[in-house]
PDB file of all heavy atoms in Angstrom:
ATOM      1  N   THR A   1      89.820 -54.953 140.950  1.00  0.00           N
ATOM      2  CA  THR A   1      89.977 -53.684 140.239  1.00  0.00           C
ATOM      3  C   THR A   1      90.892 -52.738 141.005  1.00  0.00           C
ATOM      4  O   THR A   1      91.890 -52.238 140.471  1.00  0.00           O
ATOM      5  CB  THR A   1      88.609 -53.025 140.005  1.00  0.00           C
ATOM      6  OG1 THR A   1      87.790 -53.886 139.208  1.00  0.00           O
ATOM      7  CG2 THR A   1      88.763 -51.679 139.316  1.00  0.00           C
ATOM      8  N   VAL A   2      90.572 -52.484 142.278  1.00  0.00           N
ATOM      9  CA  VAL A   2      91.404 -51.548 143.047  1.00  0.00           C
ATOM     10  C   VAL A   2      92.774 -52.154 143.319  1.00  0.00           C
ATOM     11  O   VAL A   2      93.790 -51.451 143.356  1.00  0.00           O
ATOM     12  CB  VAL A   2      90.710 -51.121 144.357  1.00  0.00           C
ATOM     13  CG1 VAL A   2      89.431 -50.368 144.053  1.00  0.00           C
ATOM     14  CG2 VAL A   2      90.436 -52.294 145.279  1.00  0.00           C
ATOM     15  N   GLY A   3      92.833 -53.487 143.486  1.00  0.00           N
ATOM     16  CA  GLY A   3      94.123 -54.134 143.716  1.00  0.00           C
ATOM     17  C   GLY A   3      95.031 -54.065 142.503  1.00  0.00           C
ATOM     18  O   GLY A   3      96.229 -53.808 142.612  1.00  0.00           O
ATOM     19  N   ALA A   4      94.451 -54.280 141.302  1.00  0.00           N
ATOM     20  CA  ALA A   4      95.245 -54.197 140.079  1.00  0.00           C
ATOM     21  C   ALA A   4      95.788 -52.783 139.887  1.00  0.00           C
ATOM     22  O   ALA A   4      96.951 -52.593 139.512  1.00  0.00           O
ATOM     23  CB  ALA A   4      94.405 -54.612 138.879  1.00  0.00           C
ATOM     24  N   ALA A   5      94.951 -51.779 140.138  1.00  0.00           N
ATOM     25  CA  ALA A   5      95.395 -50.389 140.006  1.00  0.00           C
ATOM     26  C   ALA A   5      96.523 -50.080 140.990  1.00  0.00           C
ATOM     27  O   ALA A   5      97.512 -49.426 140.636  1.00  0.00           O
ATOM     28  CB  ALA A   5      94.215 -49.447 140.230  1.00  0.00           C
ATOM     29  N   TYR A   6      96.385 -50.583 142.211  1.00  0.00           N
ATOM     30  CA  TYR A   6      97.409 -50.361 143.228  1.00  0.00           C
ATOM     31  C   TYR A   6      98.740 -50.980 142.813  1.00  0.00           C
ATOM     32  O   TYR A   6      99.799 -50.355 142.901  1.00  0.00           O
ATOM     33  CB  TYR A   6      96.937 -50.955 144.558  1.00  0.00           C
ATOM     34  CG  TYR A   6      97.954 -50.889 145.667  1.00  0.00           C
ATOM     35  CD1 TYR A   6      98.141 -49.722 146.399  1.00  0.00           C
ATOM     36  CD2 TYR A   6      98.743 -51.996 145.992  1.00  0.00           C
ATOM     37  CE1 TYR A   6      99.076 -49.658 147.423  1.00  0.00           C
ATOM     38  CE2 TYR A   6      99.673 -51.944 147.004  1.00  0.00           C
ATOM     39  CZ  TYR A   6      99.832 -50.772 147.716  1.00  0.00           C
ATOM     40  OH  TYR A   6     100.765 -50.720 148.722  1.00  0.00           O
ATOM     41  N   VAL A   7      98.703 -52.221 142.317  1.00  0.00           N
ATOM     42  CA  VAL A   7      99.938 -52.908 141.927  1.00  0.00           C
ATOM     43  C   VAL A   7     100.579 -52.232 140.717  1.00  0.00           C
ATOM     44  O   VAL A   7     101.806 -52.067 140.662  1.00  0.00           O
ATOM     45  CB  VAL A   7      99.660 -54.397 141.649  1.00  0.00           C
ATOM     46  CG1 VAL A   7     100.869 -55.060 141.005  1.00  0.00           C
ATOM     47  CG2 VAL A   7      99.307 -55.118 142.940  1.00  0.00           C
ATOM     48  N   LEU A   8      99.769 -51.826 139.741  1.00  0.00           N
ATOM     49  CA  LEU A   8     100.316 -51.133 138.572  1.00  0.00           C
ATOM     50  C   LEU A   8     101.048 -49.857 138.990  1.00  0.00           C
ATOM     51  O   LEU A   8     102.118 -49.541 138.466  1.00  0.00           O
ATOM     52  CB  LEU A   8      99.195 -50.789 137.589  1.00  0.00           C
ATOM     53  CG  LEU A   8      98.603 -51.950 136.792  1.00  0.00           C
ATOM     54  CD1 LEU A   8      97.348 -51.501 136.058  1.00  0.00           C
ATOM     55  CD2 LEU A   8      99.620 -52.523 135.809  1.00  0.00           C
ATOM     56  N   ALA A   9     100.469 -49.140 139.951  1.00  0.00           N
ATOM     57  CA  ALA A   9     101.098 -47.904 140.418  1.00  0.00           C
ATOM     58  C   ALA A   9     102.327 -48.200 141.275  1.00  0.00           C
ATOM     59  O   ALA A   9     103.368 -47.540 141.144  1.00  0.00           O
ATOM     60  CB  ALA A   9     100.094 -47.072 141.208  1.00  0.00           C
ATOM     61  N   LEU A  10     102.229 -49.208 142.135  1.00  0.00           N
ATOM     62  CA  LEU A  10     103.327 -49.510 143.055  1.00  0.00           C
ATOM     63  C   LEU A  10     104.565 -50.000 142.313  1.00  0.00           C
ATOM     64  O   LEU A  10     105.704 -49.693 142.688  1.00  0.00           O
ATOM     65  CB  LEU A  10     102.875 -50.560 144.070  1.00  0.00           C
ATOM     66  CG  LEU A  10     103.829 -50.854 145.226  1.00  0.00           C
ATOM     67  CD1 LEU A  10     103.902 -49.653 146.171  1.00  0.00           C
ATOM     68  CD2 LEU A  10     103.388 -52.095 145.987  1.00  0.00           C
ATOM     69  N   THR A  11     104.357 -50.763 141.239  1.00  0.00           N
ATOM     70  CA  THR A  11     105.482 -51.341 140.503  1.00  0.00           C
ATOM     71  C   THR A  11     105.995 -50.434 139.392  1.00  0.00           C
ATOM     72  O   THR A  11     106.921 -50.810 138.667  1.00  0.00           O
ATOM     73  CB  THR A  11     105.087 -52.694 139.896  1.00  0.00           C
ATOM     74  OG1 THR A  11     103.962 -52.506 139.034  1.00  0.00           O
ATOM     75  CG2 THR A  11     104.728 -53.697 140.984  1.00  0.00           C
ATOM     76  N   GLY A  12     105.385 -49.260 139.226  1.00  0.00           N
ATOM     77  CA  GLY A  12     105.852 -48.324 138.218  1.00  0.00           C
ATOM     78  C   GLY A  12     105.344 -48.602 136.820  1.00  0.00           C
ATOM     79  O   GLY A  12     105.813 -47.989 135.856  1.00  0.00           O
ATOM     80  N   GLU A  13     104.384 -49.532 136.671  1.00  0.00           N
ATOM     81  CA  GLU A  13     103.820 -49.821 135.358  1.00  0.00           C
ATOM     82  C   GLU A  13     103.025 -48.631 134.822  1.00  0.00           C
ATOM     83  O   GLU A  13     102.861 -48.484 133.615  1.00  0.00           O
ATOM     84  CB  GLU A  13     102.931 -51.058 135.430  1.00  0.00           C
ATOM     85  CG  GLU A  13     103.693 -52.364 135.557  1.00  0.00           C
ATOM     86  CD  GLU A  13     104.474 -52.689 134.291  1.00  0.00           C
ATOM     87  OE1 GLU A  13     103.893 -52.577 133.192  1.00  0.00           O
ATOM     88  OE2 GLU A  13     105.661 -53.025 134.401  1.00  0.00           O
ATOM     89  N   ILE A  14     102.474 -47.847 135.724  1.00  0.00           N
ATOM     90  CA  ILE A  14     101.848 -46.587 135.331  1.00  0.00           C
ATOM     91  C   ILE A  14     102.462 -45.484 136.180  1.00  0.00           C
ATOM     92  O   ILE A  14     102.854 -45.708 137.327  1.00  0.00           O
ATOM     93  CB  ILE A  14     100.312 -46.607 135.518  1.00  0.00           C
ATOM     94  CG1 ILE A  14      99.936 -46.925 136.973  1.00  0.00           C
ATOM     95  CG2 ILE A  14      99.676 -47.613 134.591  1.00  0.00           C
ATOM     96  CD1 ILE A  14      98.447 -46.840 137.224  1.00  0.00           C
ATOM     97  N   SER A  15     102.594 -44.314 135.616  1.00  0.00           N
ATOM     98  CA  SER A  15     103.206 -43.198 136.342  1.00  0.00           C
ATOM     99  C   SER A  15     102.150 -42.474 137.160  1.00  0.00           C
ATOM    100  O   SER A  15     100.998 -42.327 136.726  1.00  0.00           O
ATOM    101  CB  SER A  15     103.888 -42.235 135.367  1.00  0.00           C
ATOM    102  OG  SER A  15     102.936 -41.744 134.440  1.00  0.00           O
ATOM    103  N   LEU A  16     102.542 -42.031 138.334  1.00  0.00           N
ATOM    104  CA  LEU A  16     101.636 -41.300 139.211  1.00  0.00           C
ATOM    105  C   LEU A  16     101.717 -39.812 138.907  1.00  0.00           C
ATOM    106  O   LEU A  16     102.804 -39.252 138.755  1.00  0.00           O
ATOM    107  CB  LEU A  16     101.995 -41.570 140.674  1.00  0.00           C
ATOM    108  CG  LEU A  16     101.787 -43.020 141.130  1.00  0.00           C
ATOM    109  CD1 LEU A  16     102.325 -43.227 142.533  1.00  0.00           C
ATOM    110  CD2 LEU A  16     100.309 -43.397 141.070  1.00  0.00           C
ATOM    111  N   ASP A  17     100.557 -39.187 138.818  1.00  0.00           N
ATOM    112  CA  ASP A  17     100.464 -37.779 138.462  1.00  0.00           C
ATOM    113  C   ASP A  17     100.140 -36.972 139.718  1.00  0.00           C
ATOM    114  O   ASP A  17      98.982 -36.637 139.982  1.00  0.00           O
ATOM    115  CB  ASP A  17      99.387 -37.588 137.387  1.00  0.00           C
ATOM    116  CG  ASP A  17      99.296 -36.152 136.911  1.00  0.00           C
ATOM    117  OD1 ASP A  17     100.243 -35.396 137.143  1.00  0.00           O
ATOM    118  OD2 ASP A  17      98.256 -35.803 136.319  1.00  0.00           O
ATOM    119  N   GLY A  18     101.148 -36.704 140.539  1.00  0.00           N
ATOM    120  CA  GLY A  18     100.935 -35.947 141.765  1.00  0.00           C
ATOM    121  C   GLY A  18     100.209 -36.764 142.812  1.00  0.00           C
ATOM    122  O   GLY A  18     100.374 -37.983 142.905  1.00  0.00           O
ATOM    123  N   ASP A  19      99.373 -36.090 143.601  1.00  0.00           N
ATOM    124  CA  ASP A  19      98.676 -36.759 144.702  1.00  0.00           C
ATOM    125  C   ASP A  19      97.523 -37.628 144.227  1.00  0.00           C
ATOM    126  O   ASP A  19      97.098 -38.543 144.937  1.00  0.00           O
ATOM    127  CB  ASP A  19      98.156 -35.720 145.698  1.00  0.00           C
ATOM    128  CG  ASP A  19      99.278 -34.984 146.413  1.00  0.00           C
ATOM    129  OD1 ASP A  19     100.405 -35.521 146.456  1.00  0.00           O
ATOM    130  OD2 ASP A  19      99.033 -33.872 146.936  1.00  0.00           O
ATOM    131  N   GLU A  20      96.973 -37.321 143.037  1.00  0.00           N
ATOM    132  CA  GLU A  20      95.850 -38.095 142.524  1.00  0.00           C
ATOM    133  C   GLU A  20      96.076 -38.429 141.056  1.00  0.00           C
ATOM    134  O   GLU A  20      96.401 -37.551 140.255  1.00  0.00           O
ATOM    135  CB  GLU A  20      94.529 -37.337 142.685  1.00  0.00           C
ATOM    136  CG  GLU A  20      94.093 -37.172 144.138  1.00  0.00           C
ATOM    137  CD  GLU A  20      92.664 -36.669 144.264  1.00  0.00           C
ATOM    138  OE1 GLU A  20      92.089 -36.240 143.222  1.00  0.00           O
ATOM    139  OE2 GLU A  20      92.113 -36.702 145.380  1.00  0.00           O
ATOM    140  N   THR A  21      95.910 -39.704 140.724  1.00  0.00           N
ATOM    141  CA  THR A  21      96.059 -40.176 139.351  1.00  0.00           C
ATOM    142  C   THR A  21      94.786 -40.912 138.961  1.00  0.00           C
ATOM    143  O   THR A  21      94.268 -41.723 139.740  1.00  0.00           O
ATOM    144  CB  THR A  21      97.265 -41.135 139.228  1.00  0.00           C
ATOM    145  OG1 THR A  21      98.440 -40.459 139.678  1.00  0.00           O
ATOM    146  CG2 THR A  21      97.449 -41.601 137.799  1.00  0.00           C
ATOM    147  N   ARG A  22      94.284 -40.635 137.775  1.00  0.00           N
ATOM    148  CA  ARG A  22      93.058 -41.287 137.309  1.00  0.00           C
ATOM    149  C   ARG A  22      93.367 -42.166 136.106  1.00  0.00           C
ATOM    150  O   ARG A  22      94.013 -41.725 135.156  1.00  0.00           O
ATOM    151  CB  ARG A  22      91.996 -40.240 136.962  1.00  0.00           C
ATOM    152  CG  ARG A  22      91.569 -39.416 138.174  1.00  0.00           C
ATOM    153  CD  ARG A  22      90.486 -38.406 137.845  1.00  0.00           C
ATOM    154  NE  ARG A  22      90.177 -37.594 139.011  1.00  0.00           N
ATOM    155  CZ  ARG A  22      89.308 -37.927 139.959  1.00  0.00           C
ATOM    156  NH1 ARG A  22      88.641 -39.073 139.852  1.00  0.00           N
ATOM    157  NH2 ARG A  22      89.091 -37.137 140.984  1.00  0.00           N
ATOM    158  N   ILE A  23      92.914 -43.418 136.180  1.00  0.00           N
ATOM    159  CA  ILE A  23      93.111 -44.367 135.088  1.00  0.00           C
ATOM    160  C   ILE A  23      91.764 -45.003 134.747  1.00  0.00           C
ATOM    161  O   ILE A  23      90.767 -44.807 135.455  1.00  0.00           O
ATOM    162  CB  ILE A  23      94.136 -45.458 135.451  1.00  0.00           C
ATOM    163  CG1 ILE A  23      93.598 -46.358 136.580  1.00  0.00           C
ATOM    164  CG2 ILE A  23      95.478 -44.841 135.848  1.00  0.00           C
ATOM    165  CD1 ILE A  23      94.461 -47.581 136.856  1.00  0.00           C
ATOM    166  N   VAL A  24      91.734 -45.773 133.661  1.00  0.00           N
ATOM    167  CA  VAL A  24      90.526 -46.494 133.271  1.00  0.00           C
ATOM    168  C   VAL A  24      90.912 -47.937 132.962  1.00  0.00           C
ATOM    169  O   VAL A  24      91.816 -48.179 132.151  1.00  0.00           O
ATOM    170  CB  VAL A  24      89.845 -45.850 132.044  1.00  0.00           C
ATOM    171  CG1 VAL A  24      88.644 -46.689 131.617  1.00  0.00           C
ATOM    172  CG2 VAL A  24      89.412 -44.421 132.356  1.00  0.00           C
ATOM    173  N   LEU A  25      90.232 -48.880 133.597  1.00  0.00           N
ATOM    174  CA  LEU A  25      90.444 -50.302 133.342  1.00  0.00           C
ATOM    175  C   LEU A  25      89.247 -50.841 132.569  1.00  0.00           C
ATOM    176  O   LEU A  25      88.102 -50.614 132.954  1.00  0.00           O
ATOM    177  CB  LEU A  25      90.626 -51.069 134.650  1.00  0.00           C
ATOM    178  CG  LEU A  25      91.816 -50.655 135.518  1.00  0.00           C
ATOM    179  CD1 LEU A  25      91.853 -51.477 136.804  1.00  0.00           C
ATOM    180  CD2 LEU A  25      93.124 -50.814 134.763  1.00  0.00           C
ATOM    181  N   GLU A  26      89.512 -51.560 131.476  1.00  0.00           N
ATOM    182  CA  GLU A  26      88.434 -52.170 130.696  1.00  0.00           C
ATOM    183  C   GLU A  26      88.069 -53.524 131.301  1.00  0.00           C
ATOM    184  O   GLU A  26      88.931 -54.395 131.458  1.00  0.00           O
ATOM    185  CB  GLU A  26      88.876 -52.359 129.249  1.00  0.00           C
ATOM    186  CG  GLU A  26      89.148 -51.057 128.513  1.00  0.00           C
ATOM    187  CD  GLU A  26      89.568 -51.298 127.075  1.00  0.00           C
ATOM    188  OE1 GLU A  26      89.742 -52.477 126.697  1.00  0.00           O
ATOM    189  OE2 GLU A  26      89.736 -50.310 126.332  1.00  0.00           O
ATOM    190  N   GLU A  27      86.783 -53.697 131.650  1.00  0.00           N
ATOM    191  CA  GLU A  27      86.304 -54.951 132.213  1.00  0.00           C
ATOM    192  C   GLU A  27      85.080 -55.413 131.433  1.00  0.00           C
ATOM    193  O   GLU A  27      84.592 -54.699 130.545  1.00  0.00           O
ATOM    194  CB  GLU A  27      85.997 -54.775 133.706  1.00  0.00           C
ATOM    195  CG  GLU A  27      87.218 -54.304 134.497  1.00  0.00           C
ATOM    196  CD  GLU A  27      87.002 -54.257 136.002  1.00  0.00           C
ATOM    197  OE1 GLU A  27      86.041 -54.895 136.488  1.00  0.00           O
ATOM    198  OE2 GLU A  27      87.792 -53.583 136.688  1.00  0.00           O
ATOM    199  N   GLY A  28      84.582 -56.583 131.765  1.00  0.00           N
ATOM    200  CA  GLY A  28      83.437 -57.120 131.045  1.00  0.00           C
ATOM    201  C   GLY A  28      82.217 -56.216 131.125  1.00  0.00           C
ATOM    202  O   GLY A  28      81.401 -56.173 130.203  1.00  0.00           O
ATOM    203  N   VAL A  29      82.095 -55.476 132.227  1.00  0.00           N
ATOM    204  CA  VAL A  29      80.953 -54.593 132.419  1.00  0.00           C
ATOM    205  C   VAL A  29      81.113 -53.283 131.661  1.00  0.00           C
ATOM    206  O   VAL A  29      80.164 -52.523 131.500  1.00  0.00           O
ATOM    207  CB  VAL A  29      80.744 -54.333 133.926  1.00  0.00           C
ATOM    208  CG1 VAL A  29      81.822 -53.408 134.472  1.00  0.00           C
ATOM    209  CG2 VAL A  29      79.353 -53.807 134.215  1.00  0.00           C
ATOM    210  N   GLY A  30      82.343 -53.007 131.201  1.00  0.00           N
ATOM    211  CA  GLY A  30      82.622 -51.751 130.512  1.00  0.00           C
ATOM    212  C   GLY A  30      83.818 -51.056 131.136  1.00  0.00           C
ATOM    213  O   GLY A  30      84.488 -51.595 132.023  1.00  0.00           O
ATOM    214  N   PRO A  31      84.130 -49.827 130.696  1.00  0.00           N
ATOM    215  CA  PRO A  31      85.253 -49.086 131.266  1.00  0.00           C
ATOM    216  C   PRO A  31      84.986 -48.711 132.733  1.00  0.00           C
ATOM    217  O   PRO A  31      83.915 -48.208 133.058  1.00  0.00           O
ATOM    218  CB  PRO A  31      85.338 -47.829 130.386  1.00  0.00           C
ATOM    219  CG  PRO A  31      84.580 -48.166 129.146  1.00  0.00           C
ATOM    220  CD  PRO A  31      83.507 -49.123 129.554  1.00  0.00           C
ATOM    221  N   VAL A  32      85.972 -48.971 133.594  1.00  0.00           N
ATOM    222  CA  VAL A  32      85.840 -48.681 135.025  1.00  0.00           C
ATOM    223  C   VAL A  32      86.884 -47.628 135.406  1.00  0.00           C
ATOM    224  O   VAL A  32      88.083 -47.920 135.434  1.00  0.00           O
ATOM    225  CB  VAL A  32      86.028 -49.954 135.874  1.00  0.00           C
ATOM    226  CG1 VAL A  32      85.903 -49.613 137.364  1.00  0.00           C
ATOM    227  CG2 VAL A  32      85.003 -51.015 135.478  1.00  0.00           C
ATOM    228  N   PRO A  33      86.469 -46.395 135.708  1.00  0.00           N
ATOM    229  CA  PRO A  33      87.419 -45.384 136.164  1.00  0.00           C
ATOM    230  C   PRO A  33      87.936 -45.709 137.560  1.00  0.00           C
ATOM    231  O   PRO A  33      87.191 -46.174 138.423  1.00  0.00           O
ATOM    232  CB  PRO A  33      86.590 -44.092 136.178  1.00  0.00           C
ATOM    233  CG  PRO A  33      85.364 -44.396 135.361  1.00  0.00           C
ATOM    234  CD  PRO A  33      85.116 -45.858 135.539  1.00  0.00           C
ATOM    235  N   VAL A  34      89.233 -45.472 137.776  1.00  0.00           N
ATOM    236  CA  VAL A  34      89.845 -45.713 139.087  1.00  0.00           C
ATOM    237  C   VAL A  34      90.693 -44.503 139.468  1.00  0.00           C
ATOM    238  O   VAL A  34      91.488 -44.012 138.666  1.00  0.00           O
ATOM    239  CB  VAL A  34      90.723 -46.978 139.076  1.00  0.00           C
ATOM    240  CG1 VAL A  34      91.292 -47.236 140.481  1.00  0.00           C
ATOM    241  CG2 VAL A  34      89.929 -48.201 138.613  1.00  0.00           C
ATOM    242  N   LEU A  35      90.496 -44.053 140.692  1.00  0.00           N
ATOM    243  CA  LEU A  35      91.300 -42.972 141.257  1.00  0.00           C
ATOM    244  C   LEU A  35      92.375 -43.579 142.155  1.00  0.00           C
ATOM    245  O   LEU A  35      92.074 -44.432 142.999  1.00  0.00           O
ATOM    246  CB  LEU A  35      90.412 -42.034 142.080  1.00  0.00           C
ATOM    247  CG  LEU A  35      91.116 -41.021 142.985  1.00  0.00           C
ATOM    248  CD1 LEU A  35      91.855 -39.977 142.165  1.00  0.00           C
ATOM    249  CD2 LEU A  35      90.115 -40.357 143.927  1.00  0.00           C
ATOM    250  N   ILE A  36      93.625 -43.156 141.980  1.00  0.00           N
ATOM    251  CA  ILE A  36      94.738 -43.617 142.813  1.00  0.00           C
ATOM    252  C   ILE A  36      95.277 -42.416 143.585  1.00  0.00           C
ATOM    253  O   ILE A  36      95.692 -41.421 142.982  1.00  0.00           O
ATOM    254  CB  ILE A  36      95.868 -44.225 141.973  1.00  0.00           C
ATOM    255  CG1 ILE A  36      95.338 -45.357 141.095  1.00  0.00           C
ATOM    256  CG2 ILE A  36      97.001 -44.732 142.865  1.00  0.00           C
ATOM    257  CD1 ILE A  36      96.332 -45.841 140.051  1.00  0.00           C
ATOM    258  N   ARG A  37      95.254 -42.498 144.892  1.00  0.00           N
ATOM    259  CA  ARG A  37      95.828 -41.445 145.719  1.00  0.00           C
ATOM    260  C   ARG A  37      97.206 -41.899 146.192  1.00  0.00           C
ATOM    261  O   ARG A  37      97.383 -43.053 146.595  1.00  0.00           O
ATOM    262  CB  ARG A  37      94.934 -41.134 146.922  1.00  0.00           C
ATOM    263  CG  ARG A  37      93.629 -40.461 146.526  1.00  0.00           C
ATOM    264  CD  ARG A  37      92.763 -40.132 147.719  1.00  0.00           C
ATOM    265  NE  ARG A  37      91.515 -39.507 147.278  1.00  0.00           N
ATOM    266  CZ  ARG A  37      90.347 -39.654 147.897  1.00  0.00           C
ATOM    267  NH1 ARG A  37      90.270 -40.397 148.991  1.00  0.00           N
ATOM    268  NH2 ARG A  37      89.268 -39.062 147.427  1.00  0.00           N
TER     269      ARG A  37
END
């Protein structure tokens, strides 16, 4: 989960919103919020 969020941010697949960006990843357990600094 944290690795996928890191790669998405590092490769520009998602845009970073300042110092902190919040995204949500859908997993089998349900929506998982992730904070990217």
